[in-house]
Amino acid sequence: MKKLILASIVILTGFASCYKDNAEDMYPSGGGSSSGGCDTTNVTFSGTIKPIIDARCATSGCHFDASVTGIDLFHYSGVAAVANSGKLVSAITHNGQASPMPKGMPKLDDCSIAKIVKWVNSGAPNN
């Protein structure tokens, strides 16, 4: 009887270990992946860009006080100035033409970068 129970456990464990996570099933929205799940059709400063900048650069990052860093990313005017200079996209894409940002932290996810690039390429409007 013990052998039957032990055999059953081994078989069931074997079946359970065959489970394979599928990224598309686990992350259907595409999150930060480059799989095409990133919606950049309606990118606005207030609804899209400002929350990214606040979360990774301004309020919880380094650029909340322009007197310390020399770059104000807390207000639209500061973000637009950096965007229009080309430094914002260079910094977040780590293309070597500006200091990679966020400094000392992981690079922004692909979707956030795509949204910022879309906004900058649209003229960095205050919308």
N, C-alpha and C. Protein backbone atom coordinates (compact mmCIF):
# COMPACT_ATOMS: atom_id res chain seq x y z
N MET A 1 0.82 -1.20 0.00
CA MET A 1 0.00 0.00 0.00
C MET A 1 0.86 1.26 0.00
N LYS A 2 1.96 1.23 0.80
CA LYS A 2 2.85 2.37 0.85
C LYS A 2 3.50 2.63 -0.51
N LYS A 3 3.82 1.55 -1.22
CA LYS A 3 4.42 1.70 -2.54
C LYS A 3 3.46 2.35 -3.52
N LEU A 4 2.18 2.03 -3.42
CA LEU A 4 1.16 2.61 -4.29
C LEU A 4 1.01 4.11 -4.01
N ILE A 5 0.98 4.47 -2.74
CA ILE A 5 0.88 5.89 -2.37
C ILE A 5 2.11 6.64 -2.83
N LEU A 6 3.28 6.06 -2.60
CA LEU A 6 4.53 6.69 -3.01
C LEU A 6 4.59 6.85 -4.53
N ALA A 7 4.17 5.85 -5.26
CA ALA A 7 4.14 5.91 -6.73
C ALA A 7 3.18 6.99 -7.20
N SER A 8 2.05 7.10 -6.55
CA SER A 8 1.06 8.13 -6.91
C SER A 8 1.62 9.52 -6.69
N ILE A 9 2.31 9.70 -5.58
CA ILE A 9 2.91 11.02 -5.29
C ILE A 9 3.97 11.36 -6.33
N VAL A 10 4.80 10.40 -6.69
CA VAL A 10 5.84 10.63 -7.69
C VAL A 10 5.22 11.00 -9.03
N ILE A 11 4.18 10.31 -9.43
CA ILE A 11 3.51 10.57 -10.71
C ILE A 11 2.87 11.96 -10.70
N LEU A 12 2.16 12.27 -9.63
CA LEU A 12 1.50 13.58 -9.54
C LEU A 12 2.52 14.72 -9.50
N THR A 13 3.61 14.51 -8.80
CA THR A 13 4.67 15.51 -8.77
C THR A 13 5.25 15.71 -10.16
N GLY A 14 5.42 14.64 -10.89
CA GLY A 14 5.93 14.73 -12.25
C GLY A 14 5.02 15.54 -13.15
N PHE A 15 3.71 15.32 -13.05
CA PHE A 15 2.76 16.09 -13.84
C PHE A 15 2.77 17.56 -13.45
N ALA A 16 2.84 17.83 -12.17
CA ALA A 16 2.84 19.22 -11.69
C ALA A 16 4.09 19.96 -12.16
N SER A 17 5.22 19.27 -12.27
CA SER A 17 6.44 19.93 -12.68
C SER A 17 6.47 20.22 -14.17
N CYS A 18 5.53 19.72 -14.93
CA CYS A 18 5.48 19.96 -16.37
C CYS A 18 4.76 21.27 -16.71
N TYR A 19 4.24 21.96 -15.71
CA TYR A 19 3.56 23.22 -15.94
C TYR A 19 4.56 24.23 -16.50
N LYS A 20 4.16 24.93 -17.53
CA LYS A 20 5.04 25.93 -18.13
C LYS A 20 4.32 27.27 -18.16
N ASP A 21 4.94 28.28 -17.54
CA ASP A 21 4.39 29.62 -17.57
C ASP A 21 4.54 30.20 -18.96
N ASN A 22 3.51 30.85 -19.42
CA ASN A 22 3.53 31.49 -20.72
C ASN A 22 3.42 32.99 -20.47
N ALA A 23 4.40 33.77 -20.89
CA ALA A 23 4.42 35.20 -20.63
C ALA A 23 3.17 35.90 -21.16
N GLU A 24 2.67 35.47 -22.31
CA GLU A 24 1.48 36.10 -22.86
C GLU A 24 0.25 35.84 -22.00
N ASP A 25 0.19 34.65 -21.39
CA ASP A 25 -0.92 34.33 -20.50
C ASP A 25 -0.78 35.06 -19.16
N MET A 26 0.46 35.17 -18.69
CA MET A 26 0.70 35.80 -17.40
C MET A 26 0.58 37.31 -17.46
N TYR A 27 0.97 37.93 -18.57
CA TYR A 27 0.98 39.38 -18.72
C TYR A 27 0.25 39.76 -20.01
N PRO A 28 -1.07 39.60 -20.06
CA PRO A 28 -1.80 39.83 -21.30
C PRO A 28 -1.76 41.25 -21.82
N SER A 29 -1.56 42.23 -20.97
CA SER A 29 -1.55 43.62 -21.43
C SER A 29 -0.25 43.99 -22.10
N GLY A 30 0.76 43.16 -21.96
CA GLY A 30 2.06 43.48 -22.54
C GLY A 30 2.94 44.25 -21.59
N GLY A 31 2.37 44.82 -20.53
CA GLY A 31 3.12 45.51 -19.49
C GLY A 31 4.26 46.32 -20.05
N GLY A 32 5.47 45.94 -19.72
CA GLY A 32 6.63 46.65 -20.19
C GLY A 32 7.34 45.93 -21.30
N SER A 33 6.72 44.98 -21.89
CA SER A 33 7.41 44.20 -22.92
C SER A 33 7.35 44.89 -24.26
N SER A 34 8.13 44.41 -25.18
CA SER A 34 8.12 44.96 -26.53
C SER A 34 7.29 44.06 -27.45
N SER A 35 6.37 43.31 -26.89
CA SER A 35 5.60 42.36 -27.67
C SER A 35 4.41 43.00 -28.39
N GLY A 36 4.30 44.31 -28.33
CA GLY A 36 3.21 44.97 -29.03
C GLY A 36 2.03 45.26 -28.13
N GLY A 37 2.09 44.94 -26.86
CA GLY A 37 1.00 45.18 -25.94
C GLY A 37 1.03 46.58 -25.35
N CYS A 38 1.92 47.40 -25.80
CA CYS A 38 2.07 48.76 -25.27
C CYS A 38 1.24 49.72 -26.11
N ASP A 39 0.26 50.35 -25.48
CA ASP A 39 -0.63 51.26 -26.19
C ASP A 39 -0.06 52.68 -26.17
N THR A 40 0.37 53.16 -27.31
CA THR A 40 0.89 54.53 -27.42
C THR A 40 -0.01 55.41 -28.29
N THR A 41 -1.27 55.02 -28.42
CA THR A 41 -2.17 55.77 -29.30
C THR A 41 -2.65 57.08 -28.68
N ASN A 42 -2.78 57.16 -27.38
CA ASN A 42 -3.31 58.37 -26.75
C ASN A 42 -2.38 58.80 -25.61
N VAL A 43 -1.17 59.16 -25.94
CA VAL A 43 -0.18 59.56 -24.95
C VAL A 43 -0.34 61.06 -24.68
N THR A 44 -0.56 61.39 -23.42
CA THR A 44 -0.66 62.79 -23.02
C THR A 44 0.34 63.06 -21.91
N PHE A 45 0.68 64.33 -21.73
CA PHE A 45 1.62 64.67 -20.66
C PHE A 45 0.99 64.36 -19.30
N SER A 46 -0.21 64.88 -19.06
CA SER A 46 -0.83 64.74 -17.73
C SER A 46 -1.24 63.31 -17.40
N GLY A 47 -1.71 62.57 -18.39
CA GLY A 47 -2.22 61.23 -18.13
C GLY A 47 -1.21 60.11 -18.29
N THR A 48 -0.15 60.35 -19.03
CA THR A 48 0.81 59.29 -19.34
C THR A 48 2.23 59.63 -18.86
N ILE A 49 2.74 60.74 -19.32
CA ILE A 49 4.14 61.09 -19.09
C ILE A 49 4.40 61.53 -17.65
N LYS A 50 3.57 62.42 -17.13
CA LYS A 50 3.76 62.92 -15.76
C LYS A 50 3.78 61.80 -14.73
N PRO A 51 2.86 60.81 -14.79
CA PRO A 51 2.94 59.71 -13.82
C PRO A 51 4.24 58.90 -13.91
N ILE A 52 4.76 58.70 -15.12
CA ILE A 52 6.02 57.98 -15.27
C ILE A 52 7.16 58.80 -14.67
N ILE A 53 7.22 60.08 -15.03
CA ILE A 53 8.27 60.96 -14.53
C ILE A 53 8.20 61.07 -13.01
N ASP A 54 6.98 61.23 -12.48
CA ASP A 54 6.83 61.34 -11.02
C ASP A 54 7.33 60.08 -10.32
N ALA A 55 6.95 58.93 -10.84
CA ALA A 55 7.29 57.67 -10.18
C ALA A 55 8.78 57.34 -10.26
N ARG A 56 9.42 57.67 -11.37
CA ARG A 56 10.80 57.22 -11.55
C ARG A 56 11.84 58.35 -11.52
N CYS A 57 11.39 59.61 -11.60
CA CYS A 57 12.37 60.68 -11.72
C CYS A 57 12.17 61.82 -10.72
N ALA A 58 10.94 62.23 -10.53
CA ALA A 58 10.70 63.45 -9.76
C ALA A 58 10.38 63.17 -8.29
N THR A 59 9.14 62.86 -7.98
CA THR A 59 8.75 62.75 -6.58
C THR A 59 9.45 61.64 -5.83
N SER A 60 9.70 60.51 -6.46
CA SER A 60 10.40 59.43 -5.76
C SER A 60 11.81 59.25 -6.30
N GLY A 61 12.24 60.18 -7.11
CA GLY A 61 13.57 60.09 -7.68
C GLY A 61 14.43 61.27 -7.26
N CYS A 62 15.25 61.74 -8.17
CA CYS A 62 16.22 62.79 -7.85
C CYS A 62 15.82 64.17 -8.32
N HIS A 63 14.98 64.27 -9.33
CA HIS A 63 14.73 65.54 -9.99
C HIS A 63 13.52 66.29 -9.47
N PHE A 64 13.33 66.31 -8.16
CA PHE A 64 12.21 67.06 -7.59
C PHE A 64 12.63 68.48 -7.25
N ASP A 65 13.92 68.74 -7.24
CA ASP A 65 14.42 70.06 -6.85
C ASP A 65 15.51 70.48 -7.84
N ALA A 66 15.15 71.39 -8.73
CA ALA A 66 16.09 71.82 -9.77
C ALA A 66 17.31 72.50 -9.18
N SER A 67 17.20 73.07 -7.99
CA SER A 67 18.36 73.74 -7.39
C SER A 67 19.44 72.74 -6.99
N VAL A 68 19.07 71.47 -6.82
CA VAL A 68 20.03 70.43 -6.46
C VAL A 68 20.63 69.78 -7.70
N THR A 69 19.78 69.40 -8.65
CA THR A 69 20.24 68.64 -9.82
C THR A 69 20.43 69.50 -11.07
N GLY A 70 19.84 70.68 -11.09
CA GLY A 70 19.92 71.53 -12.26
C GLY A 70 18.88 71.17 -13.32
N ILE A 71 18.10 70.13 -13.06
CA ILE A 71 17.06 69.70 -14.00
C ILE A 71 15.77 69.54 -13.24
N ASP A 72 14.75 70.31 -13.64
CA ASP A 72 13.45 70.26 -12.98
C ASP A 72 12.52 69.34 -13.77
N LEU A 73 12.23 68.19 -13.22
CA LEU A 73 11.27 67.28 -13.85
C LEU A 73 9.97 67.21 -13.06
N PHE A 74 9.79 68.16 -12.16
CA PHE A 74 8.57 68.19 -11.37
C PHE A 74 7.46 68.98 -12.06
N HIS A 75 7.85 69.89 -12.95
CA HIS A 75 6.88 70.75 -13.64
C HIS A 75 6.96 70.50 -15.16
N TYR A 76 5.85 70.76 -15.84
CA TYR A 76 5.82 70.57 -17.30
C TYR A 76 6.94 71.33 -17.99
N SER A 77 7.15 72.58 -17.62
CA SER A 77 8.15 73.40 -18.31
C SER A 77 9.53 72.76 -18.25
N GLY A 78 9.87 72.19 -17.13
CA GLY A 78 11.18 71.53 -17.00
C GLY A 78 11.27 70.27 -17.82
N VAL A 79 10.22 69.46 -17.80
CA VAL A 79 10.20 68.22 -18.57
C VAL A 79 10.26 68.55 -20.06
N ALA A 80 9.48 69.53 -20.48
CA ALA A 80 9.46 69.91 -21.89
C ALA A 80 10.82 70.42 -22.35
N ALA A 81 11.50 71.18 -21.50
CA ALA A 81 12.82 71.70 -21.85
C ALA A 81 13.81 70.56 -22.08
N VAL A 82 13.80 69.57 -21.20
CA VAL A 82 14.71 68.43 -21.34
C VAL A 82 14.30 67.59 -22.55
N ALA A 83 13.01 67.45 -22.76
CA ALA A 83 12.52 66.67 -23.91
C ALA A 83 12.93 67.34 -25.22
N ASN A 84 12.71 68.64 -25.31
CA ASN A 84 13.01 69.36 -26.54
C ASN A 84 14.50 69.47 -26.83
N SER A 85 15.32 69.33 -25.80
CA SER A 85 16.77 69.38 -26.00
C SER A 85 17.32 68.05 -26.52
N GLY A 86 16.50 67.00 -26.44
CA GLY A 86 16.93 65.67 -26.87
C GLY A 86 17.53 64.84 -25.73
N LYS A 87 17.77 65.47 -24.60
CA LYS A 87 18.42 64.77 -23.49
C LYS A 87 17.51 63.76 -22.80
N LEU A 88 16.20 63.99 -22.79
CA LEU A 88 15.29 63.06 -22.11
C LEU A 88 15.32 61.69 -22.78
N VAL A 89 15.13 61.67 -24.09
CA VAL A 89 15.13 60.40 -24.81
C VAL A 89 16.52 59.76 -24.75
N SER A 90 17.56 60.55 -24.90
CA SER A 90 18.92 60.00 -24.82
C SER A 90 19.17 59.36 -23.46
N ALA A 91 18.72 60.02 -22.39
CA ALA A 91 18.96 59.51 -21.04
C ALA A 91 18.20 58.21 -20.77
N ILE A 92 16.94 58.15 -21.18
CA ILE A 92 16.13 56.97 -20.85
C ILE A 92 16.39 55.79 -21.78
N THR A 93 16.93 56.07 -22.98
CA THR A 93 17.24 54.96 -23.89
C THR A 93 18.68 54.48 -23.73
N HIS A 94 19.46 55.20 -22.93
CA HIS A 94 20.85 54.84 -22.67
C HIS A 94 21.66 54.75 -23.97
N ASN A 95 21.46 55.76 -24.84
CA ASN A 95 22.13 55.72 -26.15
C ASN A 95 23.54 56.30 -26.13
N GLY A 96 24.01 56.72 -24.97
CA GLY A 96 25.38 57.22 -24.85
C GLY A 96 25.55 58.71 -25.07
N GLN A 97 24.48 59.42 -25.44
CA GLN A 97 24.59 60.85 -25.69
C GLN A 97 24.21 61.69 -24.48
N ALA A 98 23.73 61.04 -23.42
CA ALA A 98 23.40 61.71 -22.16
C ALA A 98 23.61 60.69 -21.05
N SER A 99 23.71 61.19 -19.85
CA SER A 99 23.89 60.30 -18.71
C SER A 99 22.68 59.36 -18.59
N PRO A 100 22.91 58.04 -18.51
CA PRO A 100 21.79 57.09 -18.43
C PRO A 100 20.95 57.31 -17.17
N MET A 101 19.65 57.35 -17.37
CA MET A 101 18.72 57.58 -16.27
C MET A 101 17.66 56.49 -16.24
N PRO A 102 17.08 56.23 -15.09
CA PRO A 102 17.38 56.82 -13.79
C PRO A 102 18.71 56.32 -13.25
N LYS A 103 19.48 57.24 -12.71
CA LYS A 103 20.84 56.95 -12.24
C LYS A 103 20.82 55.93 -11.09
N GLY A 104 21.62 54.89 -11.25
CA GLY A 104 21.75 53.88 -10.21
C GLY A 104 20.53 53.00 -10.03
N MET A 105 19.59 53.07 -10.96
CA MET A 105 18.38 52.27 -10.88
C MET A 105 18.18 51.55 -12.22
N PRO A 106 17.29 50.55 -12.24
CA PRO A 106 17.03 49.86 -13.51
C PRO A 106 16.46 50.82 -14.56
N LYS A 107 16.79 50.55 -15.80
CA LYS A 107 16.27 51.30 -16.94
C LYS A 107 14.74 51.22 -16.93
N LEU A 108 14.09 52.26 -17.44
CA LEU A 108 12.64 52.22 -17.57
C LEU A 108 12.23 51.05 -18.45
N ASP A 109 11.03 50.52 -18.23
CA ASP A 109 10.55 49.43 -19.07
C ASP A 109 10.32 49.93 -20.49
N ASP A 110 10.32 49.01 -21.44
CA ASP A 110 10.20 49.35 -22.86
C ASP A 110 8.94 50.14 -23.18
N CYS A 111 7.84 49.82 -22.50
CA CYS A 111 6.58 50.50 -22.78
C CYS A 111 6.64 51.96 -22.33
N SER A 112 7.19 52.21 -21.14
CA SER A 112 7.33 53.60 -20.66
C SER A 112 8.23 54.39 -21.60
N ILE A 113 9.31 53.79 -22.04
CA ILE A 113 10.21 54.47 -22.98
C ILE A 113 9.47 54.78 -24.27
N ALA A 114 8.71 53.83 -24.79
CA ALA A 114 7.96 54.05 -26.04
C ALA A 114 6.96 55.19 -25.89
N LYS A 115 6.32 55.28 -24.75
CA LYS A 115 5.35 56.36 -24.52
C LYS A 115 6.04 57.72 -24.46
N ILE A 116 7.17 57.78 -23.77
CA ILE A 116 7.91 59.04 -23.69
C ILE A 116 8.42 59.45 -25.06
N VAL A 117 8.97 58.52 -25.80
CA VAL A 117 9.46 58.81 -27.16
C VAL A 117 8.32 59.30 -28.04
N LYS A 118 7.18 58.68 -27.96
CA LYS A 118 6.00 59.09 -28.73
C LYS A 118 5.61 60.53 -28.39
N TRP A 119 5.58 60.84 -27.09
CA TRP A 119 5.22 62.19 -26.64
C TRP A 119 6.24 63.21 -27.13
N VAL A 120 7.51 62.92 -27.00
CA VAL A 120 8.56 63.83 -27.45
C VAL A 120 8.46 64.04 -28.96
N ASN A 121 8.30 62.94 -29.70
CA ASN A 121 8.20 63.03 -31.17
C ASN A 121 6.94 63.76 -31.64
N SER A 122 5.95 63.88 -30.75
CA SER A 122 4.73 64.62 -31.06
C SER A 122 4.88 66.10 -30.70
N GLY A 123 6.06 66.51 -30.28
CA GLY A 123 6.31 67.90 -29.95
C GLY A 123 6.23 68.20 -28.47
N ALA A 124 6.15 67.20 -27.64
CA ALA A 124 6.08 67.35 -26.18
C ALA A 124 4.97 68.32 -25.76
N PRO A 125 3.74 68.05 -26.21
CA PRO A 125 2.64 68.99 -25.89
C PRO A 125 2.25 68.96 -24.41
N ASN A 126 1.73 70.09 -23.94
CA ASN A 126 1.24 70.20 -22.57
C ASN A 126 -0.24 69.83 -22.58
N ASN A 127 -0.52 68.55 -22.63
CA ASN A 127 -1.90 68.07 -22.71
C ASN A 127 -2.22 67.11 -21.59
